[in-house]
Amino acid sequence: MDVENMPNNSNADQVHQYYKHLPKRIILVRHGESTANTDEKVYGDTADHKIPLSKNGIEQARQAGEKILDVVSQKGNNNSENWKAYFYVSPYERTRSTLREIGRSFPRNRVNGVREECRIREQDFGNFQDYEKMKELKKIRNLYGRFFYRFPEGESGADVYDRVSGFLESLWRDIYMKRLSQNAADELNVVIVSHGLSVRIFLTKWFKWTVEQFESLKSPKNCEFRVMELGASGEYSLAIQHNEETLKGWGLSPDMIKDQNLRAQANYGGTWNEKSPSYLNTFFELADSDQQSAEENGGNK
């Protein structure tokens, strides 16, 4: 999390205090398997936000809770004594139920709070969805591009990006105002239970990935989670809890993976995505140096 996200009137001491209250981890969880994940015709007669988990989805969520608990408590690896958790959850039935099952693994005294957050809900595909029509629309979306294609009576990925961006601004304020944890000694873990697209959008916004990079990302499987952990540099990285092969499987390019590895190191400068050659080359055809530019333009005048 960059200092640029702090209020403009912050002084050096406030910056120091801000970093002391940063969550140790931000964990993004997709909901468990829903009844519509196994039969898409369910969307035709059940409102999207009311679709429940399947029996398998409930079990997936319980297992996810155990795995997340192992991560935040650092089980088997210098167990953390001061860890706490704060949860955000989409208002949909399947996400609320996923959180309920995840919560069975967490002692009450370790949970600082929970908040329902509408801005991390599922992409709106319209109201009741005709199965055959949606199959055709999704084919068109794949041709048009997932980020910019807007479903009739629904949203585009860009629309979801806008509201997730608003949520991130609120998250900064919650952290800065110490609403998630009052005790700087707490090792805070923010767990966000949401949807596949929202998870990818969150990561895209956070790490300043391009639309093209977003399009390469694969959706998390049901109850799969992504762990962003605070590195020695003071930046969050996916590479602390996840290896390169896993990141590659999620659709991250070699340059994106390199950045994640750098973020975990103490000497990270925080400028990779703006200044790396591979990133700049997606926007410009730049000369290698001032000297080369001068030579190509007929020398110095």
Protein backbone atom coordinates (compact mmCIF):
# COMPACT_ATOMS: atom_id res chain seq x y z
CA MET A 1 0.00 0.00 0.00
CA ASP A 2 1.65 3.24 -1.11
CA VAL A 3 1.99 6.43 0.92
CA GLU A 4 0.23 8.14 -2.01
CA ASN A 5 -3.00 6.55 -0.79
CA MET A 6 -2.85 8.47 2.49
CA PRO A 7 -4.70 11.76 3.04
CA ASN A 8 -2.78 14.72 1.59
CA ASN A 9 -2.22 16.42 4.95
CA SER A 10 -0.35 13.48 6.49
CA ASN A 11 3.02 14.21 8.15
CA ALA A 12 6.02 11.91 8.66
CA ASP A 13 4.81 10.66 12.04
CA GLN A 14 1.39 9.87 10.61
CA VAL A 15 3.06 7.94 7.80
CA HIS A 16 5.00 5.90 10.37
CA GLN A 17 1.84 5.19 12.38
CA TYR A 18 0.02 4.31 9.17
CA TYR A 19 2.52 1.60 8.30
CA LYS A 20 2.33 0.20 11.83
CA HIS A 21 -1.38 -0.43 11.33
CA LEU A 22 -1.16 -1.99 7.88
CA PRO A 23 -2.71 -5.47 7.72
CA LYS A 24 -0.15 -8.26 7.59
CA ARG A 25 -2.23 -9.94 4.92
CA ILE A 26 -5.16 -9.24 2.64
CA ILE A 27 -6.80 -12.50 1.61
CA LEU A 28 -9.22 -12.61 -1.31
CA VAL A 29 -11.61 -15.58 -1.33
CA ARG A 30 -14.05 -16.66 -3.99
CA HIS A 31 -17.29 -18.17 -2.69
CA GLY A 32 -17.88 -21.92 -2.60
CA GLU A 33 -19.63 -23.87 -5.32
CA SER A 34 -23.20 -22.65 -5.77
CA THR A 35 -26.16 -24.53 -7.16
CA ALA A 36 -25.84 -22.40 -10.30
CA ASN A 37 -22.21 -23.43 -10.73
CA THR A 38 -23.43 -26.96 -11.28
CA ASP A 39 -26.59 -26.02 -13.24
CA GLU A 40 -26.63 -22.63 -14.95
CA LYS A 41 -30.35 -22.93 -15.66
CA VAL A 42 -30.88 -22.01 -12.00
CA TYR A 43 -30.28 -18.39 -13.01
CA GLY A 44 -33.54 -18.50 -14.98
CA ASP A 45 -35.84 -18.74 -11.96
CA THR A 46 -33.72 -17.69 -8.98
CA ALA A 47 -32.40 -14.18 -8.40
CA ASP A 48 -28.61 -14.19 -8.63
CA HIS A 49 -28.12 -12.77 -5.14
CA LYS A 50 -30.32 -15.52 -3.63
CA ILE A 51 -28.54 -18.52 -5.16
CA PRO A 52 -27.24 -20.75 -2.32
CA LEU A 53 -24.19 -22.94 -1.96
CA SER A 54 -24.39 -26.57 -2.96
CA LYS A 55 -23.57 -29.25 -0.39
CA ASN A 56 -20.14 -29.47 -1.96
CA GLY A 57 -19.80 -25.69 -1.71
CA ILE A 58 -20.51 -25.79 2.02
CA GLU A 59 -17.77 -28.37 2.50
CA GLN A 60 -15.39 -26.34 0.32
CA ALA A 61 -16.00 -23.31 2.51
CA ARG A 62 -15.34 -25.26 5.71
CA GLN A 63 -12.06 -26.54 4.30
CA ALA A 64 -11.12 -23.05 3.10
CA GLY A 65 -11.66 -21.77 6.64
CA GLU A 66 -9.20 -24.31 8.00
CA LYS A 67 -6.61 -23.42 5.34
CA ILE A 68 -6.99 -19.68 5.89
CA LEU A 69 -6.66 -20.20 9.64
CA ASP A 70 -3.37 -22.03 9.04
CA VAL A 71 -2.12 -19.07 6.99
CA VAL A 72 -3.07 -16.29 9.42
CA SER A 73 -1.92 -18.18 12.53
CA GLN A 74 1.26 -19.32 10.73
CA LYS A 75 0.62 -22.84 11.96
CA GLY A 76 3.80 -24.88 12.05
CA ASN A 77 5.93 -21.81 11.24
CA ASN A 78 6.60 -19.74 14.37
CA ASN A 79 2.94 -19.56 15.30
CA SER A 80 1.69 -15.98 15.55
CA GLU A 81 0.38 -15.05 18.99
CA ASN A 82 -1.22 -11.70 18.16
CA TRP A 83 -3.09 -12.41 14.94
CA LYS A 84 -6.55 -10.99 14.36
CA ALA A 85 -9.00 -11.10 11.44
CA TYR A 86 -11.42 -8.60 9.97
CA PHE A 87 -13.88 -9.73 7.30
CA TYR A 88 -15.57 -8.02 4.36
CA VAL A 89 -18.25 -9.96 2.51
CA SER A 90 -20.40 -9.52 -0.57
CA PRO A 91 -24.15 -9.40 0.26
CA TYR A 92 -24.98 -12.43 -1.93
CA GLU A 93 -26.29 -15.57 -0.28
CA ARG A 94 -23.42 -17.70 -1.56
CA THR A 95 -20.76 -15.36 -0.19
CA ARG A 96 -22.52 -14.90 3.14
CA SER A 97 -22.83 -18.68 3.48
CA THR A 98 -19.18 -19.12 2.53
CA LEU A 99 -18.17 -16.68 5.25
CA ARG A 100 -20.37 -18.48 7.76
CA GLU A 101 -18.59 -21.77 7.09
CA ILE A 102 -15.13 -20.16 7.05
CA GLY A 103 -15.93 -18.56 10.39
CA ARG A 104 -16.40 -21.96 12.06
CA SER A 105 -12.60 -22.24 12.14
CA PHE A 106 -12.03 -18.87 13.83
CA PRO A 107 -12.13 -18.32 17.62
CA ARG A 108 -14.42 -15.41 18.50
CA ASN A 109 -11.67 -13.52 20.33
CA ARG A 110 -9.60 -13.46 17.11
CA VAL A 111 -12.26 -11.72 15.00
CA ASN A 112 -12.16 -7.93 15.15
CA GLY A 113 -15.26 -7.46 13.05
CA VAL A 114 -17.15 -8.06 9.83
CA ARG A 115 -18.80 -5.78 7.31
CA GLU A 116 -21.14 -6.45 4.40
CA GLU A 117 -19.84 -4.55 1.38
CA CYS A 118 -22.10 -4.17 -1.66
CA ARG A 119 -19.32 -2.87 -3.91
CA ILE A 120 -17.60 -6.27 -4.00
CA ARG A 121 -20.74 -8.08 -5.20
CA GLU A 122 -20.95 -10.20 -8.37
CA GLN A 123 -20.99 -8.61 -11.81
CA ASP A 124 -24.57 -7.80 -12.71
CA PHE A 125 -25.67 -9.90 -15.69
CA GLY A 126 -29.25 -8.62 -15.72
CA ASN A 127 -32.16 -10.05 -13.77
CA PHE A 128 -33.48 -13.58 -14.41
CA GLN A 129 -31.20 -15.03 -17.06
CA ASP A 130 -32.32 -17.06 -20.05
CA TYR A 131 -29.89 -19.98 -20.34
CA GLU A 132 -29.65 -20.11 -24.14
CA LYS A 133 -29.43 -16.34 -24.50
CA MET A 134 -26.66 -16.11 -21.92
CA LYS A 135 -24.62 -18.75 -23.76
CA GLU A 136 -24.72 -16.56 -26.87
CA LEU A 137 -23.93 -13.38 -24.95
CA LYS A 138 -20.91 -14.98 -23.29
CA LYS A 139 -19.58 -16.01 -26.72
CA ILE A 140 -19.88 -12.38 -27.81
CA ARG A 141 -18.16 -11.26 -24.59
CA ASN A 142 -15.22 -13.55 -25.30
CA LEU A 143 -14.83 -11.96 -28.73
CA TYR A 144 -15.33 -8.40 -27.50
CA GLY A 145 -13.23 -8.66 -24.34
CA ARG A 146 -14.25 -9.43 -20.77
CA PHE A 147 -13.29 -6.04 -19.38
CA PHE A 148 -15.27 -3.76 -21.68
CA TYR A 149 -18.19 -5.95 -22.75
CA ARG A 150 -21.40 -4.86 -21.05
CA PHE A 151 -24.23 -7.35 -20.69
CA PRO A 152 -27.64 -6.00 -21.76
CA GLU A 153 -29.34 -4.76 -18.58
CA GLY A 154 -26.13 -5.59 -16.72
CA GLU A 155 -22.55 -4.47 -16.13
CA SER A 156 -19.20 -4.60 -17.85
CA GLY A 157 -15.94 -5.52 -16.16
CA ALA A 158 -15.10 -1.80 -16.33
CA ASP A 159 -18.22 -1.03 -14.28
CA VAL A 160 -17.09 -3.53 -11.64
CA TYR A 161 -13.64 -1.92 -11.70
CA ASP A 162 -15.16 1.46 -10.86
CA ARG A 163 -17.06 0.24 -7.81
CA VAL A 164 -14.20 -1.97 -6.55
CA SER A 165 -11.97 1.12 -6.84
CA GLY A 166 -14.41 2.95 -4.58
CA PHE A 167 -14.24 0.09 -2.09
CA LEU A 168 -10.44 0.27 -2.08
CA GLU A 169 -10.59 3.96 -1.21
CA SER A 170 -12.83 3.08 1.75
CA LEU A 171 -10.43 0.33 2.75
CA TRP A 172 -7.54 2.83 2.85
CA ARG A 173 -9.59 5.08 5.12
CA ASP A 174 -10.61 2.21 7.39
CA ILE A 175 -6.95 1.29 7.84
CA TYR A 176 -5.78 4.88 8.28
CA MET A 177 -8.51 5.62 10.81
CA LYS A 178 -7.68 2.38 12.70
CA ARG A 179 -11.23 1.10 12.31
CA LEU A 180 -10.09 -2.47 11.70
CA SER A 181 -7.70 -2.70 14.63
CA GLN A 182 -6.94 -0.30 17.48
CA ASN A 183 -3.87 -2.18 18.69
CA ALA A 184 -0.69 -1.70 16.65
CA ALA A 185 0.65 -4.94 18.15
CA ASP A 186 -2.08 -6.94 16.41
CA GLU A 187 -1.09 -8.87 13.32
CA LEU A 188 -4.17 -8.01 11.32
CA ASN A 189 -5.51 -10.13 8.47
CA VAL A 190 -8.21 -8.69 6.21
CA VAL A 191 -10.28 -11.43 4.59
CA ILE A 192 -12.51 -10.45 1.67
CA VAL A 193 -15.13 -13.00 0.59
CA SER A 194 -16.30 -12.11 -2.88
CA HIS A 195 -16.62 -13.37 -6.48
CA GLY A 196 -14.24 -14.48 -9.20
CA LEU A 197 -14.35 -11.31 -11.28
CA SER A 198 -14.23 -9.02 -8.27
CA VAL A 199 -11.09 -10.79 -7.03
CA ARG A 200 -9.34 -10.29 -10.38
CA ILE A 201 -10.48 -6.66 -10.55
CA PHE A 202 -9.23 -6.03 -7.00
CA LEU A 203 -5.77 -7.36 -7.89
CA THR A 204 -5.72 -5.41 -11.16
CA LYS A 205 -6.50 -2.15 -9.38
CA TRP A 206 -4.13 -2.78 -6.47
CA PHE A 207 -1.10 -3.74 -8.56
CA LYS A 208 -1.88 -1.23 -11.35
CA TRP A 209 -2.10 -3.92 -14.01
CA THR A 210 -3.31 -2.98 -17.47
CA VAL A 211 -6.55 -4.12 -19.09
CA GLU A 212 -4.49 -6.46 -21.26
CA GLN A 213 -2.90 -7.97 -18.16
CA PHE A 214 -6.33 -8.32 -16.57
CA GLU A 215 -7.61 -10.22 -19.61
CA SER A 216 -4.88 -12.84 -19.12
CA LEU A 217 -5.96 -13.64 -15.55
CA LYS A 218 -7.87 -16.80 -14.74
CA SER A 219 -10.77 -16.77 -12.35
CA PRO A 220 -10.17 -18.41 -8.95
CA LYS A 221 -11.85 -21.77 -8.49
CA ASN A 222 -14.61 -22.04 -5.89
CA CYS A 223 -13.18 -21.27 -2.43
CA GLU A 224 -9.71 -20.74 -3.87
CA PHE A 225 -7.99 -17.76 -2.27
CA ARG A 226 -5.19 -15.32 -3.08
CA VAL A 227 -2.96 -14.10 -0.24
CA MET A 228 -1.38 -10.65 -0.50
CA GLU A 229 1.21 -10.45 2.27
CA LEU A 230 3.19 -7.46 3.46
CA GLY A 231 6.80 -7.86 2.40
CA ALA A 232 10.05 -6.46 3.79
CA SER A 233 9.68 -3.52 1.38
CA GLY A 234 6.41 -2.39 2.96
CA GLU A 235 4.58 -3.50 -0.20
CA TYR A 236 2.12 -6.34 -0.60
CA SER A 237 3.08 -9.34 -2.70
CA LEU A 238 1.44 -12.53 -3.91
CA ALA A 239 4.86 -14.20 -4.07
CA ILE A 240 5.29 -14.67 -0.31
CA GLN A 241 2.52 -17.25 0.09
CA HIS A 242 2.37 -18.49 -3.52
CA ASN A 243 5.16 -19.89 -5.69
CA GLU A 244 5.95 -18.88 -9.26
CA GLU A 245 4.28 -21.93 -10.77
CA THR A 246 1.05 -21.07 -8.98
CA LEU A 247 1.19 -17.44 -10.13
CA LYS A 248 1.83 -18.60 -13.69
CA GLY A 249 -1.20 -20.86 -13.44
CA TRP A 250 -3.30 -17.85 -12.43
CA GLY A 251 -2.33 -16.11 -15.66
CA LEU A 252 0.43 -13.78 -14.46
CA SER A 253 3.07 -13.05 -17.10
CA PRO A 254 6.82 -13.41 -16.35
CA ASP A 255 7.07 -9.62 -15.83
CA MET A 256 4.10 -9.63 -13.44
CA ILE A 257 5.68 -12.49 -11.49
CA LYS A 258 9.01 -10.66 -11.40
CA ASP A 259 7.27 -7.65 -9.88
CA GLN A 260 5.62 -9.81 -7.23
CA ASN A 261 9.02 -11.25 -6.29
CA LEU A 262 10.55 -7.77 -6.10
CA ARG A 263 7.71 -6.52 -3.90
CA ALA A 264 8.63 -9.14 -1.32
CA GLN A 265 12.19 -7.78 -1.06
CA ALA A 266 13.44 -4.97 1.17
CA ASN A 267 15.00 -2.98 -1.70
CA TYR A 268 11.88 -2.76 -3.86
CA GLY A 269 11.61 0.74 -5.33
CA GLY A 270 7.89 0.66 -6.02
CA THR A 271 8.16 1.83 -9.63
CA TRP A 272 8.23 -1.40 -11.65
CA ASN A 273 4.91 -1.10 -13.38
CA GLU A 274 5.44 2.52 -14.42
CA LYS A 275 9.08 2.30 -15.54
CA SER A 276 9.84 -1.28 -16.61
CA PRO A 277 10.75 -1.57 -20.31
CA SER A 278 8.08 -4.18 -20.97
CA TYR A 279 5.39 -1.93 -19.50
CA LEU A 280 6.56 1.25 -21.24
CA ASN A 281 6.74 -0.60 -24.55
CA THR A 282 3.01 -1.27 -24.44
CA PHE A 283 2.48 2.50 -24.76
CA PHE A 284 5.54 3.91 -26.55
CA GLU A 285 8.28 3.28 -29.08
CA LEU A 286 10.98 5.08 -27.12
CA ALA A 287 14.60 5.70 -28.11
CA ASP A 288 17.16 3.89 -25.95
CA SER A 289 18.80 7.15 -24.79
CA ASP A 290 19.06 10.86 -25.43
CA GLN A 291 22.18 10.22 -27.53
CA GLN A 292 20.40 7.69 -29.77
CA SER A 293 17.46 10.05 -30.16
CA ALA A 294 19.80 12.86 -31.20
CA GLU A 295 21.60 10.64 -33.73
CA GLU A 296 18.33 9.51 -35.31
CA ASN A 297 17.28 13.14 -35.66
CA GLY A 298 20.47 14.21 -37.47
CA GLY A 299 22.72 14.91 -34.52
CA ASN A 300 22.86 17.86 -32.13
CA LYS A 301 21.96 21.25 -33.60
